Amino acid sequence: MTRKERFQFVIDYFQQHSPDAETELTYDNPYELLVAVILSAQCTDKRVNITTPDIFRRYPNVERLSRATFDDLFPLIKSISYPNNKTKHLIGMANMVMEKFHGEIPLTVDELIELPGVGRKTANVITSVIDQQPNMAVDTHVFRVSARIGLTLNAKTPLATEKQLIELIPTDLVHVAHHWLILHGRYVCVARKPKCEICGLKPACKYYNKNVKPKKETA
C-alpha cells in the first residue's frame, strides 16, 4: 500500500464511521474555547469540562477575565495541571485580547500565538474548530497515531507531523481529520497498548502489520 493509498483508506474509514467528529471540550463561543484549550494542555478534556463551568460563571467574557486577580482565579483552576502558570496565562491572554484586539478573540494563527499560553497547537485548534480553517493541531495523540499508522514518515516534531499530514489530507477535511486522529488515539490507538483487535484501520496500519499480525499468524 502506498502512502497516498494509506491516507485514502484512513479518510474513507473515518468519513464512514465518524463523519462529524468534534472536540470533546465544552464551550459556547471562541472565548470559552480558548480558555478551555489553554487549560487542556497536559490535562484531560474531562477534567477541563468539570472545571470551566465555575470559571465561566464568574468570568463570562474576556473583559471580566481581564480584571481577574491571580488570587481570585487560581482557586477555580487549582485542580488543573500547572495551575500557577495557567492562571497567569489566562489573565495575560485576556488583558492582551482587550488591549490589542479590542476584546475580540483573534482568528488567525499568527495573531493567536501572540497571546500568553497560546502556542501553535492551541492556535490551530481554535482556528480549525471555530472557523474550520485547514489547520492541523498536533498533540501527543495525533503525533503517535500518525506515526503508528504510517501517515507520517520519520517526523520528529509536531511541526513536521503537521506539514506531512496537511500535504495529503484534502483541505476541506483537515479541520475534522484533526479530531479523527485525536479521538482514535484517545480511545483505540492508546499509548501503551493499542487496541488493535477493535481497530478498523488494521489493513492500512504499519504498526499492526509489522508488530501484531505476524505474531498471530505464527501462533
Protein backbone atom coordinates (compact mmCIF):
# COMPACT_ATOMS: atom_id res chain seq x y z
CA MET A 1 0.00 0.00 0.00
CA THR A 2 1.42 3.38 -0.97
CA ARG A 3 1.33 6.32 1.40
CA LYS A 4 -1.38 8.01 -0.67
CA GLU A 5 -3.44 4.82 -0.62
CA ARG A 6 -2.98 4.63 3.15
CA PHE A 7 -4.24 8.19 3.57
CA GLN A 8 -7.24 7.45 1.37
CA PHE A 9 -8.11 4.32 3.33
CA VAL A 10 -7.95 6.21 6.63
CA ILE A 11 -10.01 9.13 5.29
CA ASP A 12 -12.64 6.80 3.80
CA TYR A 13 -12.88 4.87 7.06
CA PHE A 14 -13.41 7.91 9.23
CA GLN A 15 -15.82 9.55 6.80
CA GLN A 16 -17.95 6.44 7.06
CA HIS A 17 -17.64 5.82 10.80
CA SER A 18 -17.09 9.26 12.32
CA PRO A 19 -18.03 11.96 9.79
CA ASP A 20 -18.99 14.56 12.41
CA ALA A 21 -16.10 14.17 14.87
CA GLU A 22 -15.61 17.24 17.03
CA THR A 23 -13.83 18.46 20.12
CA GLU A 24 -14.89 16.99 23.45
CA LEU A 25 -14.29 20.30 25.21
CA THR A 26 -17.48 22.08 26.25
CA TYR A 27 -17.79 25.68 25.04
CA ASP A 28 -20.31 28.17 23.68
CA ASN A 29 -18.12 30.77 21.97
CA PRO A 30 -14.49 31.46 20.92
CA TYR A 31 -13.62 32.93 24.31
CA GLU A 32 -14.76 29.83 26.17
CA LEU A 33 -12.99 27.51 23.74
CA LEU A 34 -9.75 29.45 24.08
CA VAL A 35 -9.89 29.25 27.87
CA ALA A 36 -10.67 25.52 27.70
CA VAL A 37 -7.85 24.76 25.26
CA ILE A 38 -5.31 26.69 27.33
CA LEU A 39 -6.38 24.69 30.38
CA SER A 40 -6.28 21.40 28.47
CA ALA A 41 -2.51 21.38 27.97
CA GLN A 42 -1.27 18.16 29.61
CA CYS A 43 -4.70 17.71 31.17
CA THR A 44 -7.74 15.66 30.20
CA ASP A 45 -10.74 17.20 28.50
CA LYS A 46 -12.91 15.57 31.17
CA ARG A 47 -11.14 17.44 33.95
CA VAL A 48 -11.29 20.70 31.99
CA ASN A 49 -15.03 20.30 31.42
CA ILE A 50 -15.53 19.80 35.15
CA THR A 51 -13.55 22.96 35.89
CA THR A 52 -14.71 25.50 33.30
CA PRO A 53 -18.36 25.98 34.36
CA ASP A 54 -17.30 27.75 37.56
CA ILE A 55 -14.82 29.87 35.62
CA PHE A 56 -17.39 30.93 33.06
CA ARG A 57 -19.97 31.74 35.70
CA ARG A 58 -17.56 34.09 37.40
CA TYR A 59 -15.85 35.33 34.23
CA PRO A 60 -18.44 35.07 31.44
CA ASN A 61 -16.41 37.06 28.93
CA VAL A 62 -12.86 38.13 28.20
CA GLU A 63 -13.40 41.60 29.63
CA ARG A 64 -14.36 40.19 33.03
CA LEU A 65 -11.43 37.77 32.92
CA SER A 66 -9.03 40.63 32.18
CA ARG A 67 -9.98 42.14 35.56
CA ALA A 68 -9.37 38.91 37.48
CA THR A 69 -6.61 38.71 40.05
CA PHE A 70 -4.38 35.70 40.50
CA ASP A 71 -5.79 35.04 43.97
CA ASP A 72 -9.36 35.10 42.65
CA LEU A 73 -8.79 32.87 39.62
CA PHE A 74 -6.32 30.34 40.99
CA PRO A 75 -8.79 28.55 43.32
CA LEU A 76 -11.05 27.86 40.35
CA ILE A 77 -8.36 26.01 38.41
CA LYS A 78 -6.18 24.54 41.13
CA SER A 79 -7.31 21.01 40.18
CA ILE A 80 -5.90 21.51 36.67
CA SER A 81 -2.29 20.62 35.85
CA TYR A 82 0.15 23.53 36.19
CA PRO A 83 -2.41 25.85 37.79
CA ASN A 84 0.09 28.61 38.60
CA ASN A 85 1.23 29.07 35.02
CA LYS A 86 -2.24 28.64 33.57
CA THR A 87 -3.71 31.22 35.93
CA LYS A 88 -1.09 33.72 34.77
CA HIS A 89 -1.62 32.76 31.13
CA LEU A 90 -5.39 33.21 31.28
CA ILE A 91 -5.16 36.64 32.86
CA GLY A 92 -2.39 37.69 30.49
CA MET A 93 -4.34 36.37 27.49
CA ALA A 94 -7.45 38.30 28.50
CA ASN A 95 -5.52 41.51 29.00
CA MET A 96 -3.85 41.27 25.60
CA VAL A 97 -7.15 40.49 23.87
CA MET A 98 -8.65 43.60 25.43
CA GLU A 99 -5.68 45.85 24.74
CA LYS A 100 -4.50 44.66 21.34
CA PHE A 101 -7.56 43.01 19.78
CA HIS A 102 -10.31 45.27 21.14
CA GLY A 103 -11.93 42.48 23.14
CA GLU A 104 -12.34 40.10 20.20
CA ILE A 105 -10.63 36.71 20.13
CA PRO A 106 -8.40 36.78 17.02
CA LEU A 107 -8.89 34.01 14.49
CA THR A 108 -5.55 33.77 12.74
CA VAL A 109 -2.71 31.56 13.88
CA ASP A 110 -0.18 34.40 13.76
CA GLU A 111 -2.30 36.61 16.00
CA LEU A 112 -3.30 33.87 18.41
CA ILE A 113 0.27 32.77 19.12
CA GLU A 114 0.99 36.27 20.40
CA LEU A 115 -1.29 35.57 23.36
CA PRO A 116 0.16 34.23 26.63
CA GLY A 117 -0.36 30.49 26.95
CA VAL A 118 -1.12 30.04 23.25
CA GLY A 119 1.27 28.04 21.10
CA ARG A 120 0.87 26.77 17.56
CA LYS A 121 -1.15 23.73 18.61
CA THR A 122 -3.67 25.81 20.54
CA ALA A 123 -3.92 28.36 17.72
CA ASN A 124 -4.56 25.58 15.23
CA VAL A 125 -7.30 24.15 17.44
CA ILE A 126 -9.07 27.49 17.78
CA THR A 127 -8.96 28.38 14.09
CA SER A 128 -9.96 24.91 12.89
CA VAL A 129 -12.80 24.42 15.38
CA ILE A 130 -14.28 27.92 15.27
CA ASP A 131 -13.62 28.82 11.65
CA GLN A 132 -12.95 25.42 10.04
CA GLN A 133 -9.62 26.70 8.76
CA PRO A 134 -7.39 23.94 7.32
CA ASN A 135 -5.03 23.91 10.29
CA MET A 136 -3.85 20.66 11.84
CA ALA A 137 -3.26 20.76 15.59
CA VAL A 138 -0.74 18.11 16.57
CA ASP A 139 -0.96 16.88 20.15
CA THR A 140 0.51 13.68 21.57
CA HIS A 141 -2.36 11.61 20.17
CA VAL A 142 -2.06 12.95 16.63
CA PHE A 143 1.73 12.62 16.74
CA ARG A 144 1.58 9.00 17.93
CA VAL A 145 -1.30 7.78 15.76
CA SER A 146 0.03 9.34 12.57
CA ALA A 147 3.40 7.68 13.04
CA ARG A 148 1.97 4.28 14.01
CA ILE A 149 -0.37 4.08 11.07
CA GLY A 150 2.30 5.30 8.69
CA LEU A 151 0.70 8.57 7.68
CA THR A 152 3.92 10.34 8.66
CA LEU A 153 7.44 9.21 7.90
CA ASN A 154 10.25 9.96 10.35
CA ALA A 155 8.51 13.10 11.60
CA LYS A 156 10.47 14.07 14.69
CA THR A 157 8.50 17.17 15.71
CA PRO A 158 4.84 18.25 15.87
CA LEU A 159 5.51 20.77 13.09
CA ALA A 160 6.96 18.09 10.82
CA THR A 161 3.92 15.91 11.54
CA GLU A 162 1.58 18.82 10.79
CA LYS A 163 3.22 19.51 7.43
CA GLN A 164 3.17 15.86 6.35
CA LEU A 165 -0.49 15.44 7.27
CA ILE A 166 -1.64 18.61 5.55
CA GLU A 167 0.23 17.55 2.43
CA LEU A 168 -2.06 14.59 1.76
CA ILE A 169 -5.33 15.39 3.56
CA PRO A 170 -7.81 17.33 1.38
CA THR A 171 -8.03 20.94 2.52
CA ASP A 172 -11.73 20.76 3.31
CA LEU A 173 -11.18 17.79 5.62
CA VAL A 174 -8.18 18.98 7.65
CA HIS A 175 -10.30 20.52 10.41
CA VAL A 176 -12.21 17.29 11.03
CA ALA A 177 -9.22 14.99 10.43
CA HIS A 178 -7.64 16.60 13.47
CA HIS A 179 -10.48 15.22 15.60
CA TRP A 180 -10.43 11.84 13.87
CA LEU A 181 -6.83 11.30 14.87
CA ILE A 182 -7.19 12.69 18.40
CA LEU A 183 -10.22 10.57 19.25
CA HIS A 184 -8.71 7.48 17.67
CA GLY A 185 -5.63 7.97 19.81
CA ARG A 186 -7.67 8.62 22.91
CA TYR A 187 -9.92 5.57 22.69
CA VAL A 188 -8.40 3.00 20.30
CA CYS A 189 -4.76 3.63 19.40
CA VAL A 190 -3.82 4.30 23.03
CA ALA A 191 -0.22 4.87 24.05
CA ARG A 192 0.81 1.77 25.99
CA LYS A 193 -1.21 -0.98 24.37
CA PRO A 194 -3.17 -0.05 21.24
CA LYS A 195 -6.48 -1.85 20.91
CA CYS A 196 -5.70 -3.34 17.52
CA GLU A 197 -8.37 -6.02 17.94
CA ILE A 198 -11.15 -3.43 17.60
CA CYS A 199 -9.43 -1.09 15.14
CA GLY A 200 -10.89 -0.70 11.67
CA LEU A 201 -7.65 0.73 10.32
CA LYS A 202 -5.73 -2.57 10.53
CA PRO A 203 -5.49 -3.12 6.76
CA ALA A 204 -3.68 0.20 6.36
CA CYS A 205 -1.75 0.32 9.63
CA LYS A 206 2.02 -0.17 9.51
CA TYR A 207 2.22 -0.86 13.24
CA TYR A 208 -0.40 -3.61 13.11
CA ASN A 209 1.04 -5.30 10.05
CA LYS A 210 4.58 -5.22 11.41
CA ASN A 211 4.08 -5.91 15.10
CA VAL A 212 0.73 -7.63 15.66
CA LYS A 213 -0.41 -9.55 12.60
CA PRO A 214 2.77 -11.65 12.13
CA LYS A 215 2.65 -12.80 15.77
CA LYS A 216 -0.93 -14.02 15.38
CA GLU A 217 -0.12 -15.86 12.18
CA THR A 218 2.90 -17.53 13.78
CA ALA A 219 0.84 -18.62 16.77
